[in-house]
Amino acid sequence: MNLTISGHHLEVTPALRSYVTGKLDRITRHFDQVVDVKVLLSVEKQKEKEGRQRAECNIHVKGNDMFAESAHEDLYAAVDDLVDKLDRQVVRHKDRVQDHQHESAKRLLM
């Protein structure tokens, strides 16, 4: 898995980098065919403090691309919300890709 973490109007510290990679391990635990992950962390210059910290992520898995974004006053909370959204998308994608076909009843009796 290729992981790229970049910051816009903020410096990505080693603590922040390790926090993001720790959270993204949850996604690879649910679905191991993740090819590429790009995370963009940013601080917006807004007057109001609500939702200034933003986290965006593009994930490329085998057969699909997924995108999620989250905004919060705390960057760590934005990353938590982002990973929750991505986890739901990855689990839904895994469920669609899995083989749901069962043996027919006639073959089971023979």
Protein backbone atom coordinates (compact mmCIF):
# COMPACT_ATOMS: atom_id res chain seq x y z
CA MET A 1 0.00 0.00 0.00
CA ASN A 2 1.39 3.39 -1.01
CA LEU A 3 0.57 6.04 1.57
CA THR A 4 1.00 9.76 0.92
CA ILE A 5 0.23 12.26 3.69
CA SER A 6 0.51 15.93 2.83
CA GLY A 7 -0.45 19.16 4.55
CA HIS A 8 -1.88 22.38 3.18
CA HIS A 9 -1.22 25.45 5.35
CA LEU A 10 0.14 23.21 8.10
CA GLU A 11 3.20 21.10 8.81
CA VAL A 12 2.64 17.35 9.09
CA THR A 13 4.41 16.42 12.31
CA PRO A 14 5.66 12.89 13.02
CA ALA A 15 3.00 12.53 15.73
CA LEU A 16 0.25 13.47 13.26
CA ARG A 17 1.72 11.16 10.62
CA SER A 18 1.80 8.20 13.01
CA TYR A 19 -1.77 8.95 14.16
CA VAL A 20 -3.08 8.92 10.58
CA THR A 21 -1.21 5.71 9.67
CA GLY A 22 -2.47 4.04 12.85
CA LYS A 23 -6.05 4.93 11.98
CA LEU A 24 -5.68 3.83 8.35
CA ASP A 25 -4.52 0.38 9.51
CA ARG A 26 -8.18 -0.26 10.35
CA ILE A 27 -9.05 0.00 6.66
CA THR A 28 -6.34 -2.42 5.58
CA ARG A 29 -7.49 -4.81 8.32
CA HIS A 30 -10.94 -4.97 6.72
CA PHE A 31 -9.80 -5.06 3.08
CA ASP A 32 -6.26 -6.01 2.11
CA GLN A 33 -6.40 -5.05 -1.59
CA VAL A 34 -5.79 -1.33 -1.00
CA VAL A 35 -3.35 -0.08 -3.64
CA ASP A 36 -2.90 3.64 -2.99
CA VAL A 37 -3.93 6.09 -0.24
CA LYS A 38 -3.53 9.88 -0.46
CA VAL A 39 -4.38 11.97 2.59
CA LEU A 40 -4.56 15.77 2.53
CA LEU A 41 -4.71 17.61 5.86
CA SER A 42 -5.46 21.33 5.72
CA VAL A 43 -6.38 24.36 7.77
CA GLU A 44 -8.84 26.75 6.16
CA LYS A 45 -8.70 30.49 6.74
CA GLN A 46 -12.25 31.06 7.92
CA LYS A 47 -13.60 33.63 10.33
CA GLU A 48 -15.62 31.12 12.33
CA LYS A 49 -13.70 28.43 14.14
CA GLU A 50 -16.17 25.62 13.39
CA GLY A 51 -14.87 23.22 10.78
CA ARG A 52 -11.52 24.88 10.12
CA GLN A 53 -9.48 21.68 10.19
CA ARG A 54 -10.10 19.50 7.15
CA ALA A 55 -9.02 15.98 6.27
CA GLU A 56 -9.50 14.53 2.78
CA CYS A 57 -8.55 11.11 1.50
CA ASN A 58 -8.49 9.34 -1.86
CA ILE A 59 -8.23 5.56 -1.78
CA HIS A 60 -7.56 3.41 -4.81
CA VAL A 61 -8.54 -0.22 -4.31
CA LYS A 62 -8.66 -2.98 -6.85
CA GLY A 63 -11.58 -2.03 -9.08
CA ASN A 64 -12.68 1.24 -7.49
CA ASP A 65 -11.65 4.70 -6.27
CA MET A 66 -13.10 6.14 -3.08
CA PHE A 67 -13.09 9.66 -1.67
CA ALA A 68 -14.08 11.04 1.71
CA GLU A 69 -13.64 14.34 3.49
CA SER A 70 -14.28 15.61 6.97
CA ALA A 71 -14.08 18.97 8.73
CA HIS A 72 -13.93 19.66 12.46
CA GLU A 73 -12.45 22.16 14.87
CA ASP A 74 -9.90 19.54 15.97
CA LEU A 75 -7.72 17.87 13.31
CA TYR A 76 -7.58 14.57 15.19
CA ALA A 77 -11.39 14.45 15.37
CA ALA A 78 -11.55 15.21 11.64
CA VAL A 79 -9.19 12.28 10.96
CA ASP A 80 -11.34 9.99 13.15
CA ASP A 81 -14.50 10.98 11.26
CA LEU A 82 -12.70 10.57 7.92
CA VAL A 83 -11.55 7.04 8.76
CA ASP A 84 -15.07 6.10 9.86
CA LYS A 85 -16.47 7.25 6.51
CA LEU A 86 -13.76 5.45 4.55
CA ASP A 87 -14.20 2.28 6.57
CA ARG A 88 -17.90 2.15 5.72
CA GLN A 89 -17.12 2.64 2.02
CA VAL A 90 -14.43 -0.05 2.02
CA VAL A 91 -16.64 -2.59 3.82
CA ARG A 92 -19.47 -1.88 1.36
CA HIS A 93 -17.07 -2.31 -1.58
CA LYS A 94 -15.74 -5.57 -0.14
CA ASP A 95 -19.29 -6.86 0.28
CA ARG A 96 -20.07 -6.08 -3.37
CA VAL A 97 -16.90 -7.72 -4.66
CA GLN A 98 -17.22 -10.93 -2.65
CA ASP A 99 -18.60 -14.00 -4.35
CA HIS A 100 -22.16 -14.46 -3.04
CA GLN A 101 -23.09 -17.37 -5.27
CA HIS A 102 -23.98 -20.60 -3.51
CA GLU A 103 -24.12 -24.17 -4.71
CA SER A 104 -27.50 -25.17 -6.10
CA ALA A 105 -29.73 -27.42 -3.99
CA LYS A 106 -29.46 -30.27 -6.52
CA ARG A 107 -25.67 -30.38 -6.25
CA LEU A 108 -25.76 -30.33 -2.48
CA LEU A 109 -28.02 -33.42 -2.33
CA MET A 110 -25.84 -35.51 -4.65
